[in-house]
Amino acid sequence: MKKIIYALILSLVVVSGLVFANREIKNEIPKKEVVQNLSTAEKKVQRKKWEATPDGIMFKNWEASPEGKKVYASEAKIRKAIDDYDDMKGVVTSLSLPPGSRLGFGIMVKINHDDYILSFGLEKSGSNEFEQLKSLKVNDTIIIKSHGVSHAPKYLYPIISGDYVERNNKVIYKRAPQKGGC
C-alpha cells in the first residue's frame, strides 16, 4: 500500500512539474527584433557588399546600359512634378502592362513624349476601387499626380505610382491614405 501511495505522489509531482514548466515557457515574452537605423557609413558598407553580389553586378550593368540610361533620363524629366505633387498631363497608350509584369493593375501612359508605367497596385478581391480606371480608353488624356517614381531592370520604362487620376476635370481615382501612417 505504501508503494502505491509513493508512486502516486511521485507521479503527481512529475506531472505538476511538467505543467508548471510548460506554463512558464508560454508566459515568456517573445523577443522582438530590434531595427536599428544605420548610419550613412554603415549604409555605404552594406551597399558595397550588395553591389558585389550577382544581383548587384547585374543592376550596375543595367544602369550603365542604354536601356538603364533611358529610364533614368525619363525619370529625371518628371522628378520635379513628382517631388512637388504637381499635375502631369498624360495620354493613355495601352490598357495593359508589359508582358510578365507583376505590378498589379496598371496602364501605360505617355508624358512629354516618354512612355511610363502607371501602376496602382494589386486589386483586392471584391473591391471596385479600379472600376473607373477600367473605363479608360487608348488615347484618353488624363491628369496624373504621384508621390513616387521607381525603376527596375525588368522594365524598360519608369514606374509611376498612381495616386491621383483625373479625366475631363473629373477625378476617376484617388488613392486612400494609409491607415496608421504619418
N, C-alpha and C. Protein backbone atom coordinates (compact mmCIF):
# COMPACT_ATOMS: atom_id res chain seq x y z
N MET A 1 0.82 -1.19 0.00
CA MET A 1 0.00 0.00 0.00
C MET A 1 0.87 1.26 0.00
N LYS A 2 1.95 1.23 0.82
CA LYS A 2 2.83 2.38 0.87
C LYS A 2 3.48 2.63 -0.49
N LYS A 3 3.82 1.54 -1.21
CA LYS A 3 4.44 1.69 -2.51
C LYS A 3 3.50 2.36 -3.49
N ILE A 4 2.23 2.04 -3.44
CA ILE A 4 1.25 2.63 -4.35
C ILE A 4 1.10 4.12 -4.05
N ILE A 5 1.04 4.49 -2.79
CA ILE A 5 0.91 5.90 -2.40
C ILE A 5 2.15 6.67 -2.83
N TYR A 6 3.35 6.12 -2.61
CA TYR A 6 4.58 6.78 -3.05
C TYR A 6 4.60 6.95 -4.57
N ALA A 7 4.15 5.94 -5.30
CA ALA A 7 4.12 6.01 -6.77
C ALA A 7 3.15 7.09 -7.24
N LEU A 8 1.98 7.19 -6.58
CA LEU A 8 1.01 8.22 -6.94
C LEU A 8 1.54 9.62 -6.65
N ILE A 9 2.16 9.77 -5.47
CA ILE A 9 2.72 11.08 -5.10
C ILE A 9 3.85 11.46 -6.07
N LEU A 10 4.72 10.50 -6.38
CA LEU A 10 5.81 10.77 -7.30
C LEU A 10 5.29 11.16 -8.68
N SER A 11 4.29 10.42 -9.18
CA SER A 11 3.73 10.76 -10.50
C SER A 11 3.03 12.12 -10.46
N LEU A 12 2.37 12.48 -9.34
CA LEU A 12 1.73 13.77 -9.18
C LEU A 12 2.76 14.90 -9.20
N VAL A 13 3.90 14.69 -8.55
CA VAL A 13 4.98 15.68 -8.52
C VAL A 13 5.56 15.86 -9.94
N VAL A 14 5.78 14.78 -10.67
CA VAL A 14 6.35 14.85 -12.02
C VAL A 14 5.38 15.58 -12.95
N VAL A 15 4.11 15.22 -12.91
CA VAL A 15 3.12 15.84 -13.80
C VAL A 15 2.96 17.32 -13.47
N SER A 16 2.88 17.67 -12.18
CA SER A 16 2.72 19.10 -11.82
C SER A 16 3.97 19.88 -12.21
N GLY A 17 5.13 19.27 -12.13
CA GLY A 17 6.36 19.94 -12.56
C GLY A 17 6.35 20.21 -14.05
N LEU A 18 5.89 19.26 -14.84
CA LEU A 18 5.80 19.46 -16.29
C LEU A 18 4.78 20.55 -16.63
N VAL A 19 3.64 20.54 -15.96
CA VAL A 19 2.62 21.56 -16.22
C VAL A 19 3.16 22.94 -15.86
N PHE A 20 3.82 23.06 -14.72
CA PHE A 20 4.37 24.35 -14.29
C PHE A 20 5.45 24.83 -15.25
N ALA A 21 6.31 23.93 -15.70
CA ALA A 21 7.39 24.30 -16.62
C ALA A 21 6.80 24.77 -17.96
N ASN A 22 5.78 24.09 -18.44
CA ASN A 22 5.15 24.46 -19.70
C ASN A 22 4.49 25.84 -19.58
N ARG A 23 3.89 26.14 -18.44
CA ARG A 23 3.24 27.43 -18.23
C ARG A 23 4.25 28.56 -18.26
N GLU A 24 5.44 28.37 -17.73
CA GLU A 24 6.47 29.40 -17.73
C GLU A 24 6.96 29.68 -19.15
N ILE A 25 7.07 28.65 -19.96
CA ILE A 25 7.52 28.83 -21.33
C ILE A 25 6.50 29.66 -22.10
N LYS A 26 5.20 29.41 -21.90
CA LYS A 26 4.17 30.16 -22.60
C LYS A 26 4.12 31.61 -22.14
N ASN A 27 4.46 31.89 -20.90
CA ASN A 27 4.39 33.24 -20.38
C ASN A 27 5.57 34.11 -20.78
N GLU A 28 6.62 33.51 -21.33
CA GLU A 28 7.78 34.31 -21.72
C GLU A 28 7.39 35.28 -22.82
N ILE A 29 7.92 36.49 -22.76
CA ILE A 29 7.66 37.49 -23.77
C ILE A 29 8.59 37.22 -24.95
N PRO A 30 8.02 37.08 -26.15
CA PRO A 30 8.90 36.82 -27.29
C PRO A 30 9.79 38.03 -27.56
N LYS A 31 11.03 37.74 -27.89
CA LYS A 31 11.98 38.81 -28.16
C LYS A 31 11.73 39.34 -29.56
N LYS A 32 11.54 40.64 -29.67
CA LYS A 32 11.33 41.27 -30.97
C LYS A 32 12.67 41.70 -31.53
N GLU A 33 12.75 41.61 -32.85
CA GLU A 33 13.98 42.06 -33.49
C GLU A 33 14.07 43.57 -33.35
N VAL A 34 15.22 44.03 -33.01
CA VAL A 34 15.44 45.45 -32.86
C VAL A 34 15.93 45.99 -34.21
N VAL A 35 15.16 46.92 -34.76
CA VAL A 35 15.54 47.53 -36.02
C VAL A 35 16.37 48.75 -35.70
N GLN A 36 17.60 48.73 -36.15
CA GLN A 36 18.48 49.84 -35.88
C GLN A 36 18.60 50.70 -37.13
N ASN A 37 18.59 51.99 -36.93
CA ASN A 37 18.83 52.89 -38.03
C ASN A 37 20.33 52.91 -38.29
N LEU A 38 20.69 52.60 -39.52
CA LEU A 38 22.10 52.54 -39.87
C LEU A 38 22.63 53.94 -40.16
N SER A 39 23.86 54.15 -39.81
CA SER A 39 24.49 55.43 -40.12
C SER A 39 24.80 55.46 -41.62
N THR A 40 25.14 56.61 -42.11
CA THR A 40 25.46 56.77 -43.53
C THR A 40 26.63 55.87 -43.92
N ALA A 41 27.63 55.82 -43.07
CA ALA A 41 28.80 54.98 -43.36
C ALA A 41 28.41 53.50 -43.42
N GLU A 42 27.56 53.08 -42.49
CA GLU A 42 27.12 51.68 -42.48
C GLU A 42 26.29 51.36 -43.72
N LYS A 43 25.47 52.31 -44.15
CA LYS A 43 24.66 52.12 -45.36
C LYS A 43 25.57 51.95 -46.57
N LYS A 44 26.63 52.75 -46.63
CA LYS A 44 27.57 52.65 -47.76
C LYS A 44 28.25 51.29 -47.77
N VAL A 45 28.62 50.80 -46.59
CA VAL A 45 29.27 49.49 -46.50
C VAL A 45 28.29 48.40 -46.96
N GLN A 46 27.04 48.47 -46.51
CA GLN A 46 26.03 47.48 -46.92
C GLN A 46 25.79 47.54 -48.43
N ARG A 47 25.75 48.75 -48.97
CA ARG A 47 25.54 48.90 -50.42
C ARG A 47 26.70 48.30 -51.20
N LYS A 48 27.94 48.55 -50.74
CA LYS A 48 29.12 47.98 -51.42
C LYS A 48 29.07 46.45 -51.39
N LYS A 49 28.64 45.88 -50.27
CA LYS A 49 28.52 44.42 -50.17
C LYS A 49 27.50 43.91 -51.18
N TRP A 50 26.35 44.61 -51.26
CA TRP A 50 25.31 44.19 -52.19
C TRP A 50 25.78 44.33 -53.64
N GLU A 51 26.50 45.39 -53.96
CA GLU A 51 26.97 45.60 -55.32
C GLU A 51 27.93 44.51 -55.77
N ALA A 52 28.55 43.82 -54.82
CA ALA A 52 29.48 42.73 -55.16
C ALA A 52 28.74 41.41 -55.41
N THR A 53 27.45 41.35 -55.07
CA THR A 53 26.67 40.13 -55.31
C THR A 53 26.29 40.06 -56.78
N PRO A 54 25.88 38.89 -57.26
CA PRO A 54 25.45 38.77 -58.66
C PRO A 54 24.29 39.73 -59.01
N ASP A 55 23.34 39.88 -58.11
CA ASP A 55 22.23 40.82 -58.36
C ASP A 55 22.73 42.25 -58.45
N GLY A 56 23.66 42.62 -57.58
CA GLY A 56 24.21 43.97 -57.60
C GLY A 56 24.99 44.25 -58.87
N ILE A 57 25.76 43.27 -59.31
CA ILE A 57 26.54 43.41 -60.55
C ILE A 57 25.59 43.57 -61.74
N MET A 58 24.53 42.75 -61.76
CA MET A 58 23.55 42.84 -62.85
C MET A 58 22.88 44.22 -62.86
N PHE A 59 22.55 44.74 -61.68
CA PHE A 59 21.90 46.05 -61.60
C PHE A 59 22.85 47.15 -62.07
N LYS A 60 24.09 47.11 -61.66
CA LYS A 60 25.07 48.12 -62.10
C LYS A 60 25.26 48.08 -63.62
N ASN A 61 25.28 46.87 -64.18
CA ASN A 61 25.40 46.74 -65.64
C ASN A 61 24.17 47.33 -66.33
N TRP A 62 22.98 47.09 -65.75
CA TRP A 62 21.75 47.65 -66.32
C TRP A 62 21.78 49.17 -66.26
N GLU A 63 22.24 49.74 -65.14
CA GLU A 63 22.31 51.20 -65.02
C GLU A 63 23.20 51.80 -66.10
N ALA A 64 24.29 51.14 -66.44
CA ALA A 64 25.24 51.65 -67.43
C ALA A 64 24.80 51.38 -68.87
N SER A 65 23.80 50.52 -69.05
CA SER A 65 23.34 50.17 -70.40
C SER A 65 22.49 51.30 -70.98
N PRO A 66 22.30 51.32 -72.29
CA PRO A 66 21.44 52.34 -72.91
C PRO A 66 20.00 52.31 -72.37
N GLU A 67 19.49 51.11 -72.08
CA GLU A 67 18.13 51.00 -71.54
C GLU A 67 18.05 51.65 -70.15
N GLY A 68 19.03 51.38 -69.30
CA GLY A 68 19.05 51.97 -67.96
C GLY A 68 19.17 53.48 -68.01
N LYS A 69 20.04 53.97 -68.88
CA LYS A 69 20.22 55.42 -69.01
C LYS A 69 18.94 56.09 -69.50
N LYS A 70 18.22 55.41 -70.42
CA LYS A 70 16.95 55.95 -70.92
C LYS A 70 15.92 56.04 -69.80
N VAL A 71 15.84 55.00 -68.98
CA VAL A 71 14.89 55.00 -67.86
C VAL A 71 15.22 56.14 -66.89
N TYR A 72 16.49 56.30 -66.54
CA TYR A 72 16.89 57.38 -65.63
C TYR A 72 16.61 58.76 -66.24
N ALA A 73 16.83 58.92 -67.55
CA ALA A 73 16.55 60.20 -68.20
C ALA A 73 15.05 60.51 -68.16
N SER A 74 14.22 59.49 -68.39
CA SER A 74 12.77 59.68 -68.32
C SER A 74 12.33 60.04 -66.91
N GLU A 75 12.92 59.40 -65.91
CA GLU A 75 12.62 59.73 -64.52
C GLU A 75 12.97 61.18 -64.22
N ALA A 76 14.12 61.62 -64.70
CA ALA A 76 14.58 62.99 -64.43
C ALA A 76 13.61 64.03 -64.99
N LYS A 77 12.97 63.72 -66.13
CA LYS A 77 12.04 64.66 -66.74
C LYS A 77 10.82 64.95 -65.86
N ILE A 78 10.41 63.98 -65.05
CA ILE A 78 9.20 64.18 -64.23
C ILE A 78 9.52 64.32 -62.74
N ARG A 79 10.78 64.29 -62.37
CA ARG A 79 11.18 64.32 -60.96
C ARG A 79 10.60 65.53 -60.22
N LYS A 80 10.65 66.72 -60.81
CA LYS A 80 10.15 67.92 -60.14
C LYS A 80 8.64 67.82 -59.90
N ALA A 81 7.91 67.34 -60.89
CA ALA A 81 6.45 67.19 -60.74
C ALA A 81 6.13 66.16 -59.65
N ILE A 82 6.92 65.12 -59.57
CA ILE A 82 6.72 64.10 -58.53
C ILE A 82 7.01 64.70 -57.16
N ASP A 83 8.15 65.38 -57.03
CA ASP A 83 8.53 65.97 -55.74
C ASP A 83 7.52 67.00 -55.26
N ASP A 84 6.96 67.78 -56.21
CA ASP A 84 6.01 68.85 -55.85
C ASP A 84 4.56 68.38 -55.87
N TYR A 85 4.32 67.12 -56.23
CA TYR A 85 2.97 66.55 -56.36
C TYR A 85 2.13 67.42 -57.29
N ASP A 86 2.73 67.79 -58.43
CA ASP A 86 2.08 68.62 -59.44
C ASP A 86 1.35 67.76 -60.47
N ASP A 87 0.48 68.42 -61.23
CA ASP A 87 -0.24 67.76 -62.31
C ASP A 87 0.73 67.39 -63.43
N MET A 88 0.54 66.19 -63.97
CA MET A 88 1.28 65.75 -65.16
C MET A 88 0.24 65.32 -66.18
N LYS A 89 0.30 65.90 -67.36
CA LYS A 89 -0.64 65.56 -68.41
C LYS A 89 -0.10 64.36 -69.16
N GLY A 90 -0.93 63.32 -69.27
CA GLY A 90 -0.51 62.10 -69.95
C GLY A 90 -1.57 61.61 -70.91
N VAL A 91 -1.14 60.77 -71.83
CA VAL A 91 -2.04 60.14 -72.79
C VAL A 91 -1.92 58.63 -72.62
N VAL A 92 -3.05 57.95 -72.49
CA VAL A 92 -3.07 56.50 -72.33
C VAL A 92 -2.62 55.87 -73.64
N THR A 93 -1.57 55.02 -73.57
CA THR A 93 -1.07 54.36 -74.78
C THR A 93 -1.40 52.87 -74.80
N SER A 94 -1.65 52.28 -73.63
CA SER A 94 -2.01 50.87 -73.55
C SER A 94 -2.78 50.63 -72.26
N LEU A 95 -3.76 49.74 -72.35
CA LEU A 95 -4.58 49.43 -71.17
C LEU A 95 -4.04 48.23 -70.40
N SER A 96 -2.89 47.74 -70.82
CA SER A 96 -2.26 46.62 -70.10
C SER A 96 -0.78 46.92 -69.91
N LEU A 97 -0.21 46.25 -68.95
CA LEU A 97 1.21 46.41 -68.65
C LEU A 97 2.03 45.48 -69.54
N PRO A 98 3.34 45.70 -69.62
CA PRO A 98 4.19 44.82 -70.43
C PRO A 98 4.05 43.36 -70.00
N PRO A 99 4.19 42.43 -70.93
CA PRO A 99 4.07 41.01 -70.60
C PRO A 99 5.03 40.61 -69.47
N GLY A 100 4.53 39.80 -68.56
CA GLY A 100 5.35 39.30 -67.45
C GLY A 100 5.46 40.25 -66.27
N SER A 101 4.81 41.39 -66.34
CA SER A 101 4.92 42.34 -65.22
C SER A 101 4.12 41.83 -64.03
N ARG A 102 4.60 42.16 -62.85
CA ARG A 102 3.94 41.74 -61.61
C ARG A 102 3.71 42.96 -60.73
N LEU A 103 3.15 44.00 -61.32
CA LEU A 103 2.91 45.24 -60.60
C LEU A 103 1.46 45.41 -60.18
N GLY A 104 0.61 44.44 -60.51
CA GLY A 104 -0.80 44.57 -60.21
C GLY A 104 -1.50 45.28 -61.35
N PHE A 105 -2.51 46.07 -61.01
CA PHE A 105 -3.27 46.79 -62.04
C PHE A 105 -2.50 48.02 -62.47
N GLY A 106 -2.46 48.26 -63.78
CA GLY A 106 -1.77 49.43 -64.28
C GLY A 106 -2.03 49.63 -65.75
N ILE A 107 -1.58 50.78 -66.26
CA ILE A 107 -1.71 51.13 -67.66
C ILE A 107 -0.41 51.77 -68.12
N MET A 108 -0.27 51.93 -69.42
CA MET A 108 0.89 52.62 -69.98
C MET A 108 0.44 54.02 -70.40
N VAL A 109 1.26 55.02 -70.08
CA VAL A 109 0.95 56.40 -70.44
C VAL A 109 2.17 57.06 -71.08
N LYS A 110 1.91 58.09 -71.87
CA LYS A 110 2.98 58.88 -72.46
C LYS A 110 2.89 60.27 -71.85
N ILE A 111 3.99 60.72 -71.25
CA ILE A 111 4.09 62.04 -70.65
C ILE A 111 5.31 62.71 -71.28
N ASN A 112 5.11 63.87 -71.87
CA ASN A 112 6.21 64.62 -72.51
C ASN A 112 7.03 63.74 -73.45
N HIS A 113 6.35 62.99 -74.31
CA HIS A 113 6.97 62.16 -75.35
C HIS A 113 7.74 60.94 -74.81
N ASP A 114 7.61 60.62 -73.54
CA ASP A 114 8.24 59.42 -72.97
C ASP A 114 7.16 58.50 -72.42
N ASP A 115 7.39 57.18 -72.54
CA ASP A 115 6.45 56.19 -72.02
C ASP A 115 6.76 55.86 -70.57
N TYR A 116 5.69 55.63 -69.80
CA TYR A 116 5.78 55.30 -68.38
C TYR A 116 4.77 54.21 -68.05
N ILE A 117 5.09 53.43 -67.05
CA ILE A 117 4.13 52.50 -66.48
C ILE A 117 3.44 53.25 -65.34
N LEU A 118 2.11 53.29 -65.36
CA LEU A 118 1.34 53.91 -64.29
C LEU A 118 0.72 52.76 -63.50
N SER A 119 1.28 52.47 -62.34
CA SER A 119 0.89 51.31 -61.54
C SER A 119 0.05 51.74 -60.35
N PHE A 120 -1.02 50.97 -60.10
CA PHE A 120 -1.92 51.27 -58.99
C PHE A 120 -1.86 50.22 -57.89
N GLY A 121 -1.19 49.13 -58.12
CA GLY A 121 -1.06 48.09 -57.09
C GLY A 121 -1.99 46.93 -57.34
N LEU A 122 -2.02 46.03 -56.39
CA LEU A 122 -2.82 44.82 -56.51
C LEU A 122 -4.30 45.10 -56.28
N GLU A 123 -5.12 44.40 -57.04
CA GLU A 123 -6.56 44.52 -56.87
C GLU A 123 -6.99 43.62 -55.72
N LYS A 124 -7.79 44.17 -54.83
CA LYS A 124 -8.33 43.37 -53.73
C LYS A 124 -9.59 42.68 -54.23
N SER A 125 -9.73 41.41 -53.89
CA SER A 125 -10.90 40.67 -54.37
C SER A 125 -12.17 41.29 -53.79
N GLY A 126 -13.15 41.43 -54.65
CA GLY A 126 -14.43 42.01 -54.22
C GLY A 126 -14.41 43.53 -54.16
N SER A 127 -13.28 44.14 -54.46
CA SER A 127 -13.18 45.60 -54.41
C SER A 127 -13.41 46.17 -55.80
N ASN A 128 -13.98 47.36 -55.86
CA ASN A 128 -14.18 48.00 -57.15
C ASN A 128 -13.45 49.34 -57.21
N GLU A 129 -12.33 49.46 -56.50
CA GLU A 129 -11.60 50.73 -56.44
C GLU A 129 -11.01 51.14 -57.78
N PHE A 130 -10.79 50.18 -58.70
CA PHE A 130 -10.22 50.50 -60.00
C PHE A 130 -11.28 50.53 -61.10
N GLU A 131 -12.55 50.46 -60.73
CA GLU A 131 -13.63 50.36 -61.71
C GLU A 131 -13.62 51.53 -62.70
N GLN A 132 -13.49 52.76 -62.22
CA GLN A 132 -13.50 53.91 -63.12
C GLN A 132 -12.24 53.94 -63.99
N LEU A 133 -11.12 53.44 -63.46
CA LEU A 133 -9.89 53.39 -64.27
C LEU A 133 -10.05 52.43 -65.44
N LYS A 134 -10.85 51.38 -65.24
CA LYS A 134 -11.05 50.40 -66.30
C LYS A 134 -11.90 50.97 -67.44
N SER A 135 -12.50 52.13 -67.23
CA SER A 135 -13.28 52.77 -68.30
C SER A 135 -12.39 53.59 -69.23
N LEU A 136 -11.11 53.73 -68.90
CA LEU A 136 -10.20 54.48 -69.76
C LEU A 136 -10.03 53.78 -71.11
N LYS A 137 -9.76 54.57 -72.12
CA LYS A 137 -9.51 54.05 -73.46
C LYS A 137 -8.16 54.57 -73.95
N VAL A 138 -7.60 53.88 -74.93
CA VAL A 138 -6.34 54.32 -75.54
C VAL A 138 -6.58 55.70 -76.15
N ASN A 139 -5.60 56.58 -75.98
CA ASN A 139 -5.61 57.98 -76.44
C ASN A 139 -6.40 58.91 -75.55
N ASP A 140 -6.95 58.44 -74.41
CA ASP A 140 -7.58 59.34 -73.45
C ASP A 140 -6.50 60.21 -72.82
N THR A 141 -6.81 61.48 -72.64
CA THR A 141 -5.89 62.40 -71.98
C THR A 141 -6.28 62.45 -70.50
N ILE A 142 -5.30 62.26 -69.63
CA ILE A 142 -5.55 62.24 -68.19
C ILE A 142 -4.55 63.15 -67.48
N ILE A 143 -4.93 63.55 -66.29
CA ILE A 143 -4.03 64.30 -65.40
C ILE A 143 -3.64 63.33 -64.28
N ILE A 144 -2.34 63.25 -64.03
CA ILE A 144 -1.79 62.31 -63.04
C ILE A 144 -1.06 63.10 -61.97
N LYS A 145 -1.23 62.66 -60.72
CA LYS A 145 -0.41 63.15 -59.61
C LYS A 145 0.16 61.92 -58.91
N SER A 146 1.40 62.05 -58.50
CA SER A 146 2.04 60.92 -57.85
C SER A 146 3.06 61.39 -56.84
N HIS A 147 3.29 60.54 -55.85
CA HIS A 147 4.32 60.81 -54.84
C HIS A 147 5.60 60.03 -55.12
N GLY A 148 5.56 59.12 -56.11
CA GLY A 148 6.76 58.31 -56.30
C GLY A 148 6.93 57.77 -57.71
N VAL A 149 8.18 57.65 -58.09
CA VAL A 149 8.56 57.02 -59.36
C VAL A 149 9.73 56.08 -59.04
N SER A 150 9.71 54.91 -59.66
CA SER A 150 10.77 53.94 -59.40
C SER A 150 11.18 53.28 -60.72
N HIS A 151 12.09 52.35 -60.62
CA HIS A 151 12.57 51.65 -61.80
C HIS A 151 13.04 50.26 -61.39
N ALA A 152 13.12 49.39 -62.38
CA ALA A 152 13.62 48.04 -62.16
C ALA A 152 14.21 47.54 -63.47
N PRO A 153 15.29 46.80 -63.42
CA PRO A 153 15.91 46.30 -64.65
C PRO A 153 14.95 45.46 -65.51
N LYS A 154 13.93 44.90 -64.89
CA LYS A 154 12.98 44.07 -65.61
C LYS A 154 12.14 44.88 -66.60
N TYR A 155 11.98 46.17 -66.33
CA TYR A 155 11.09 47.01 -67.14
C TYR A 155 11.88 48.06 -67.92
N LEU A 156 11.42 48.34 -69.13
CA LEU A 156 12.08 49.32 -69.99
C LEU A 156 11.56 50.73 -69.75
N TYR A 157 10.67 50.89 -68.78
CA TYR A 157 10.04 52.18 -68.52
C TYR A 157 10.07 52.48 -67.02
N PRO A 158 10.12 53.77 -66.65
CA PRO A 158 9.97 54.11 -65.23
C PRO A 158 8.56 53.74 -64.76
N ILE A 159 8.43 53.49 -63.47
CA ILE A 159 7.15 53.06 -62.90
C ILE A 159 6.64 54.19 -62.00
N ILE A 160 5.53 54.80 -62.40
CA ILE A 160 4.92 55.86 -61.61
C ILE A 160 3.87 55.22 -60.72
N SER A 161 3.90 55.55 -59.45
CA SER A 161 2.89 55.08 -58.51
C SER A 161 1.66 55.96 -58.66
N GLY A 162 0.56 55.37 -59.10
CA GLY A 162 -0.65 56.14 -59.34
C GLY A 162 -1.35 56.52 -58.05
N ASP A 163 -1.34 57.80 -57.72
CA ASP A 163 -2.01 58.28 -56.51
C ASP A 163 -3.29 59.05 -56.83
N TYR A 164 -3.35 59.67 -58.02
CA TYR A 164 -4.49 60.51 -58.37
C TYR A 164 -4.58 60.56 -59.89
N VAL A 165 -5.78 60.32 -60.41
CA VAL A 165 -6.00 60.39 -61.86
C VAL A 165 -7.30 61.14 -62.10
N GLU A 166 -7.24 62.05 -63.07
CA GLU A 166 -8.38 62.88 -63.43
C GLU A 166 -8.56 62.82 -64.94
N ARG A 167 -9.82 62.73 -65.39
CA ARG A 167 -10.14 62.76 -66.82
C ARG A 167 -11.30 63.72 -67.03
N ASN A 168 -11.14 64.65 -67.95
CA ASN A 168 -12.18 65.65 -68.24
C ASN A 168 -12.63 66.39 -66.98
N ASN A 169 -11.67 66.81 -66.18
CA ASN A 169 -11.91 67.56 -64.93
C ASN A 169 -12.72 66.77 -63.91
N LYS A 170 -12.72 65.46 -64.02
CA LYS A 170 -13.43 64.61 -63.07
C LYS A 170 -12.45 63.59 -62.49
N VAL A 171 -12.38 63.52 -61.18
CA VAL A 171 -11.47 62.57 -60.51
C VAL A 171 -12.01 61.16 -60.71
N ILE A 172 -11.17 60.30 -61.30
CA ILE A 172 -11.60 58.91 -61.50
C ILE A 172 -10.84 57.95 -60.59
N TYR A 173 -9.79 58.44 -59.95
CA TYR A 173 -9.08 57.61 -58.97
C TYR A 173 -8.31 58.50 -58.01
N LYS A 174 -8.43 58.17 -56.73
CA LYS A 174 -7.64 58.83 -55.71
C LYS A 174 -7.30 57.77 -54.67
N ARG A 175 -6.00 57.57 -54.47
CA ARG A 175 -5.55 56.55 -53.51
C ARG A 175 -5.97 56.94 -52.11
N ALA A 176 -6.53 55.97 -51.39
CA ALA A 176 -6.92 56.20 -50.00
C ALA A 176 -5.66 56.30 -49.15
N PRO A 177 -5.64 57.21 -48.17
CA PRO A 177 -4.45 57.32 -47.31
C PRO A 177 -4.26 56.03 -46.50
N GLN A 178 -2.99 55.71 -46.26
CA GLN A 178 -2.69 54.51 -45.48
C GLN A 178 -3.09 54.70 -44.04
N LYS A 179 -3.60 53.64 -43.45
CA LYS A 179 -4.01 53.69 -42.06
C LYS A 179 -2.81 53.46 -41.16
N GLY A 180 -2.74 54.20 -40.08
CA GLY A 180 -1.67 54.02 -39.11
C GLY A 180 -0.36 54.66 -39.52
N GLY A 181 -0.34 55.39 -40.60
CA GLY A 181 0.88 56.01 -41.07
C GLY A 181 0.96 57.47 -40.64
N CYS A 182 1.97 58.13 -41.09
CA CYS A 182 2.14 59.55 -40.78
C CYS A 182 1.32 60.41 -41.69
